[in-house]
C-alpha atoms as a PDB file:
ATOM      1  CA  MET A   1      17.122 -13.874  14.230  1.00  0.00           C
ATOM      2  CA  VAL A   2      14.062 -15.347  15.383  1.00  0.00           C
ATOM      3  CA  LEU A   3      14.935 -15.977  18.811  1.00  0.00           C
ATOM      4  CA  GLY A   4      16.070 -12.404  18.671  1.00  0.00           C
ATOM      5  CA  GLY A   5      12.984 -10.998  17.443  1.00  0.00           C
ATOM      6  CA  VAL A   6      11.660 -12.895  20.617  1.00  0.00           C
ATOM      7  CA  ALA A   7      13.537 -11.084  22.739  1.00  0.00           C
ATOM      8  CA  ASN A   8      12.694  -8.141  21.331  1.00  0.00           C
ATOM      9  CA  PHE A   9       9.070  -8.208  22.616  1.00  0.00           C
ATOM     10  CA  PHE A  10      10.259  -7.735  26.148  1.00  0.00           C
ATOM     11  CA  PRO A  11       9.603  -5.330  27.760  1.00  0.00           C
ATOM     12  CA  LEU A  12       6.559  -4.548  25.861  1.00  0.00           C
ATOM     13  CA  GLY A  13       6.800  -1.067  23.863  1.00  0.00           C
ATOM     14  CA  ILE A  14       5.700  -0.434  20.468  1.00  0.00           C
ATOM     15  CA  GLN A  15       9.408   0.082  19.502  1.00  0.00           C
ATOM     16  CA  SER A  16      10.466  -3.492  20.792  1.00  0.00           C
ATOM     17  CA  ILE A  17       7.470  -4.867  19.443  1.00  0.00           C
ATOM     18  CA  ILE A  18       7.986  -3.207  15.370  1.00  0.00           C
ATOM     19  CA  ILE A  19      11.342  -4.284  16.234  1.00  0.00           C
ATOM     20  CA  GLY A  20      10.729  -8.264  17.272  1.00  0.00           C
ATOM     21  CA  CYS A  21       8.271  -8.374  14.200  1.00  0.00           C
ATOM     22  CA  TYR A  22      11.149  -6.877  11.797  1.00  0.00           C
ATOM     23  CA  CYS A  23      13.670  -9.915  13.223  1.00  0.00           C
ATOM     24  CA  ILE A  24      11.264 -12.710  13.153  1.00  0.00           C
ATOM     25  CA  ILE A  25      10.367 -12.004   9.590  1.00  0.00           C
ATOM     26  CA  PHE A  26      13.700 -11.776   8.550  1.00  0.00           C
ATOM     27  CA  GLY A  27      14.729 -14.761  10.282  1.00  0.00           C
ATOM     28  CA  ILE A  28      12.152 -16.512   8.697  1.00  0.00           C
ATOM     29  CA  ALA A  29      12.939 -15.752   5.579  1.00  0.00           C
ATOM     30  CA  THR A  30      16.565 -15.955   5.557  1.00  0.00           C
ATOM     31  CA  GLY A  31      15.868 -19.529   7.063  1.00  0.00           C
ATOM     32  CA  LEU A  32      13.306 -20.481   3.822  1.00  0.00           C
ATOM     33  CA  LEU A  33      16.129 -19.049   1.540  1.00  0.00           C
ATOM     34  CA  GLU A  34      18.432 -22.191   2.446  1.00  0.00           C
ATOM     35  CA  PHE A  35      15.461 -24.613   0.879  1.00  0.00           C
ATOM     36  CA  GLN A  36      13.560 -23.035  -2.016  1.00  0.00           C
ATOM     37  CA  ILE A  37      14.732 -19.695  -3.574  1.00  0.00           C
ATOM     38  CA  PRO A  38      11.544 -17.811  -5.015  1.00  0.00           C
ATOM     39  CA  PRO A  39      12.453 -16.041  -8.632  1.00  0.00           C
ATOM     40  CA  GLN A  40      11.579 -12.704  -6.483  1.00  0.00           C
ATOM     41  CA  VAL A  41      13.860 -12.974  -4.240  1.00  0.00           C
ATOM     42  CA  ALA A  42      16.701 -13.228  -6.374  1.00  0.00           C
ATOM     43  CA  ARG A  43      15.342 -10.070  -8.695  1.00  0.00           C
ATOM     44  CA  TYR A  44      14.639  -7.936  -5.168  1.00  0.00           C
ATOM     45  CA  ALA A  45      16.906  -9.287  -2.808  1.00  0.00           C
ATOM     46  CA  SER A  46      19.839 -10.643  -5.069  1.00  0.00           C
ATOM     47  CA  PHE A  47      22.664  -9.107  -2.255  1.00  0.00           C
ATOM     48  CA  MET A  48      21.435 -12.126  -0.350  1.00  0.00           C
ATOM     49  CA  PHE A  49      23.180 -14.231  -2.888  1.00  0.00           C
ATOM     50  CA  SER A  50      27.074 -13.062  -2.118  1.00  0.00           C
ATOM     51  CA  PHE A  51      28.680 -13.423   1.424  1.00  0.00           C
ATOM     52  CA  ILE A  52      29.301  -9.954   1.209  1.00  0.00           C
ATOM     53  CA  GLY A  53      25.750  -9.072   0.718  1.00  0.00           C
ATOM     54  CA  ARG A  54      24.414 -11.735   3.272  1.00  0.00           C
ATOM     55  CA  GLY A  55      27.123 -10.264   5.157  1.00  0.00           C
ATOM     56  CA  VAL A  56      25.989  -7.001   5.633  1.00  0.00           C
ATOM     57  CA  PHE A  57      22.808  -7.762   5.852  1.00  0.00           C
ATOM     58  CA  TYR A  58      23.297 -10.162   9.339  1.00  0.00           C
ATOM     59  CA  LEU A  59      25.250  -7.200  10.499  1.00  0.00           C
ATOM     60  CA  PHE A  60      23.134  -4.887   9.990  1.00  0.00           C
ATOM     61  CA  ILE A  61      20.012  -7.243  11.486  1.00  0.00           C
ATOM     62  CA  GLY A  62      22.536  -8.411  14.187  1.00  0.00           C
ATOM     63  CA  CYS A  63      22.944  -4.452  15.653  1.00  0.00           C
ATOM     64  CA  VAL A  64      19.122  -3.396  15.441  1.00  0.00           C
ATOM     65  CA  MET A  65      18.705  -6.785  17.956  1.00  0.00           C
ATOM     66  CA  ILE A  66      21.312  -5.549  19.966  1.00  0.00           C
ATOM     67  CA  GLY A  67      19.828  -3.902  23.293  1.00  0.00           C
ATOM     68  CA  ALA A  68      20.250  -3.524  26.985  1.00  0.00           C
ATOM     69  CA  LYS A  69      19.488  -6.678  28.595  1.00  0.00           C
ATOM     70  CA  TRP A  70      21.921  -9.673  27.949  1.00  0.00           C
ATOM     71  CA  TYR A  71      18.869 -11.733  26.106  1.00  0.00           C
ATOM     72  CA  HIS A  72      18.743  -8.921  23.551  1.00  0.00           C
ATOM     73  CA  ILE A  73      22.846  -8.852  23.318  1.00  0.00           C
ATOM     74  CA  ALA A  74      23.355 -12.624  22.913  1.00  0.00           C
ATOM     75  CA  PRO A  75      21.024 -13.190  19.574  1.00  0.00           C
ATOM     76  CA  GLY A  76      22.560  -9.246  18.498  1.00  0.00           C
ATOM     77  CA  VAL A  77      26.203 -10.117  18.737  1.00  0.00           C
ATOM     78  CA  ILE A  78      25.923 -14.123  17.411  1.00  0.00           C
ATOM     79  CA  THR A  79      24.557 -12.644  14.486  1.00  0.00           C
ATOM     80  CA  ALA A  80      26.630  -9.804  13.629  1.00  0.00           C
ATOM     81  CA  VAL A  81      29.596 -12.085  14.300  1.00  0.00           C
ATOM     82  CA  ILE A  82      27.922 -14.454  11.503  1.00  0.00           C
ATOM     83  CA  GLY A  83      27.675 -10.883   9.398  1.00  0.00           C
ATOM     84  CA  ILE A  84      31.559 -10.595  10.126  1.00  0.00           C
ATOM     85  CA  ALA A  85      31.904 -13.843   9.300  1.00  0.00           C
ATOM     86  CA  TYR A  86      30.363 -13.625   5.738  1.00  0.00           C
ATOM     87  CA  ILE A  87      32.065 -10.725   5.036  1.00  0.00           C
ATOM     88  CA  ALA A  88      35.268 -12.302   5.747  1.00  0.00           C
ATOM     89  CA  LEU A  89      34.511 -14.903   3.009  1.00  0.00           C
ATOM     90  CA  GLU A  90      33.952 -12.649   0.531  1.00  0.00           C
ATOM     91  CA  PHE A  91      37.544 -12.161   0.535  1.00  0.00           C
ATOM     92  CA  VAL A  92      39.130 -15.751   0.680  1.00  0.00           C
ATOM     93  CA  PRO A  93      39.027 -16.810  -3.156  1.00  0.00           C
ATOM     94  CA  SER A  94      39.399 -20.238  -2.947  1.00  0.00           C
ATOM     95  CA  ILE A  95      35.811 -20.406  -0.604  1.00  0.00           C
ATOM     96  CA  GLU A  96      33.214 -21.132  -3.065  1.00  0.00           C
ATOM     97  CA  PRO A  97      29.698 -19.861  -2.503  1.00  0.00           C
ATOM     98  CA  PRO A  98      27.581 -22.803  -1.478  1.00  0.00           C
ATOM     99  CA  ALA A  99      24.500 -24.124  -4.226  1.00  0.00           C
ATOM    100  CA  ASN A 100      21.810 -22.122  -2.712  1.00  0.00           C
ATOM    101  CA  MET A 101      23.894 -19.053  -3.163  1.00  0.00           C
ATOM    102  CA  ARG A 102      24.500 -20.076  -7.096  1.00  0.00           C
ATOM    103  CA  ASP A 103      21.102 -21.138  -8.128  1.00  0.00           C
ATOM    104  CA  ALA A 104      19.809 -17.843  -8.096  1.00  0.00           C
ATOM    105  CA  ASP A 105      18.618 -15.445 -11.324  1.00  0.00           C
ATOM    106  CA  ALA A 106      21.591 -14.073 -12.791  1.00  0.00           C
ATOM    107  CA  GLY A 107      19.095 -10.868 -12.550  1.00  0.00           C
ATOM    108  CA  TRP A 108      20.868  -8.082 -14.548  1.00  0.00           C
ATOM    109  CA  GLY A 109      24.284  -8.079 -14.340  1.00  0.00           C
ATOM    110  CA  ALA A 110      27.084  -7.275 -16.907  1.00  0.00           C
ATOM    111  CA  GLU A 111      26.393  -9.977 -19.048  1.00  0.00           C
ATOM    112  CA  GLN A 112      22.789  -9.220 -19.687  1.00  0.00           C
ATOM    113  CA  LEU A 113      23.562  -5.463 -19.971  1.00  0.00           C
ATOM    114  CA  GLY A 114      25.707  -6.103 -22.315  1.00  0.00           C
ATOM    115  CA  VAL A 115      23.838  -8.952 -24.672  1.00  0.00           C
ATOM    116  CA  ILE A 116      21.053  -5.568 -24.157  1.00  0.00           C
ATOM    117  CA  GLN A 117      23.278  -3.443 -25.498  1.00  0.00           C
ATOM    118  CA  VAL A 118      24.520  -5.754 -28.463  1.00  0.00           C
ATOM    119  CA  GLU A 119      20.581  -6.148 -29.089  1.00  0.00           C
ATOM    120  CA  GLU A 120      20.288  -2.788 -29.519  1.00  0.00           C
ATOM    121  CA  ALA A 121      22.544  -2.178 -31.882  1.00  0.00           C
ATOM    122  CA  ARG A 122      21.244  -5.026 -33.938  1.00  0.00           C
ATOM    123  CA  ILE A 123      18.261  -3.095 -33.852  1.00  0.00           C
ATOM    124  CA  ARG A 124      20.070   0.165 -34.600  1.00  0.00           C
ATOM    125  CA  ILE A 125      21.403  -1.347 -37.735  1.00  0.00           C
ATOM    126  CA  SER A 126      18.084  -2.813 -38.301  1.00  0.00           C
ATOM    127  CA  ILE A 127      15.960   0.813 -38.368  1.00  0.00           C
ATOM    128  CA  ASN A 128      19.060   2.426 -40.305  1.00  0.00           C
ATOM    129  CA  ALA A 129      18.755  -0.403 -43.068  1.00  0.00           C
ATOM    130  CA  LEU A 130      15.136  -0.142 -43.102  1.00  0.00           C
ATOM    131  CA  LYS A 131      15.146   3.538 -43.921  1.00  0.00           C
ATOM    132  CA  ARG A 132      17.758   3.014 -46.177  1.00  0.00           C
ATOM    133  CA  LEU A 133      15.812   0.687 -48.086  1.00  0.00           C
ATOM    134  CA  TYR A 134      12.598   2.910 -47.666  1.00  0.00           C
ATOM    135  CA  LYS A 135      14.756   5.610 -49.428  1.00  0.00           C
ATOM    136  CA  TYR A 136      15.679   3.664 -52.094  1.00  0.00           C
ATOM    137  CA  LEU A 137      12.520   1.972 -53.389  1.00  0.00           C
ATOM    138  CA  TYR A 138      10.348   5.720 -52.589  1.00  0.00           C
ATOM    139  CA  ASP A 139      13.333   8.094 -54.095  1.00  0.00           C
ATOM    140  CA  ASP A 140      13.004   5.763 -57.530  1.00  0.00           C
ATOM    141  CA  MET A 141       9.691   5.965 -57.371  1.00  0.00           C
ATOM    142  CA  ASP A 142       9.768   9.512 -58.088  1.00  0.00           C
END
């Protein structure tokens, strides 16, 4: 991705510089995900922790990099093919995600939402119990 971003600087123009910078930044960020996963990434870019999410991201970046010259086409096609391979891996049940795709914070998945719903139900029950107690205490004083 980084080399594709550098290649996008030529021919020089505003659009090519913006796309080149975009590809370089996301290439470096994707490379850094192989070493350390900041908690913000797990929260705001959780799609990077599934084969299909990472595949669609690579496919998108590959399509953005493709241009008219061979030095635009080659890195774009390579990145897009890697994206298609990631998407295909999502549908192979025997392939487990690598450690850097499993170590991410779970985020707000179905399990966490279930826990929140259970806690919310407990709070409702507690509030109802307090209302009954309040009514019992103050109705008896009258």
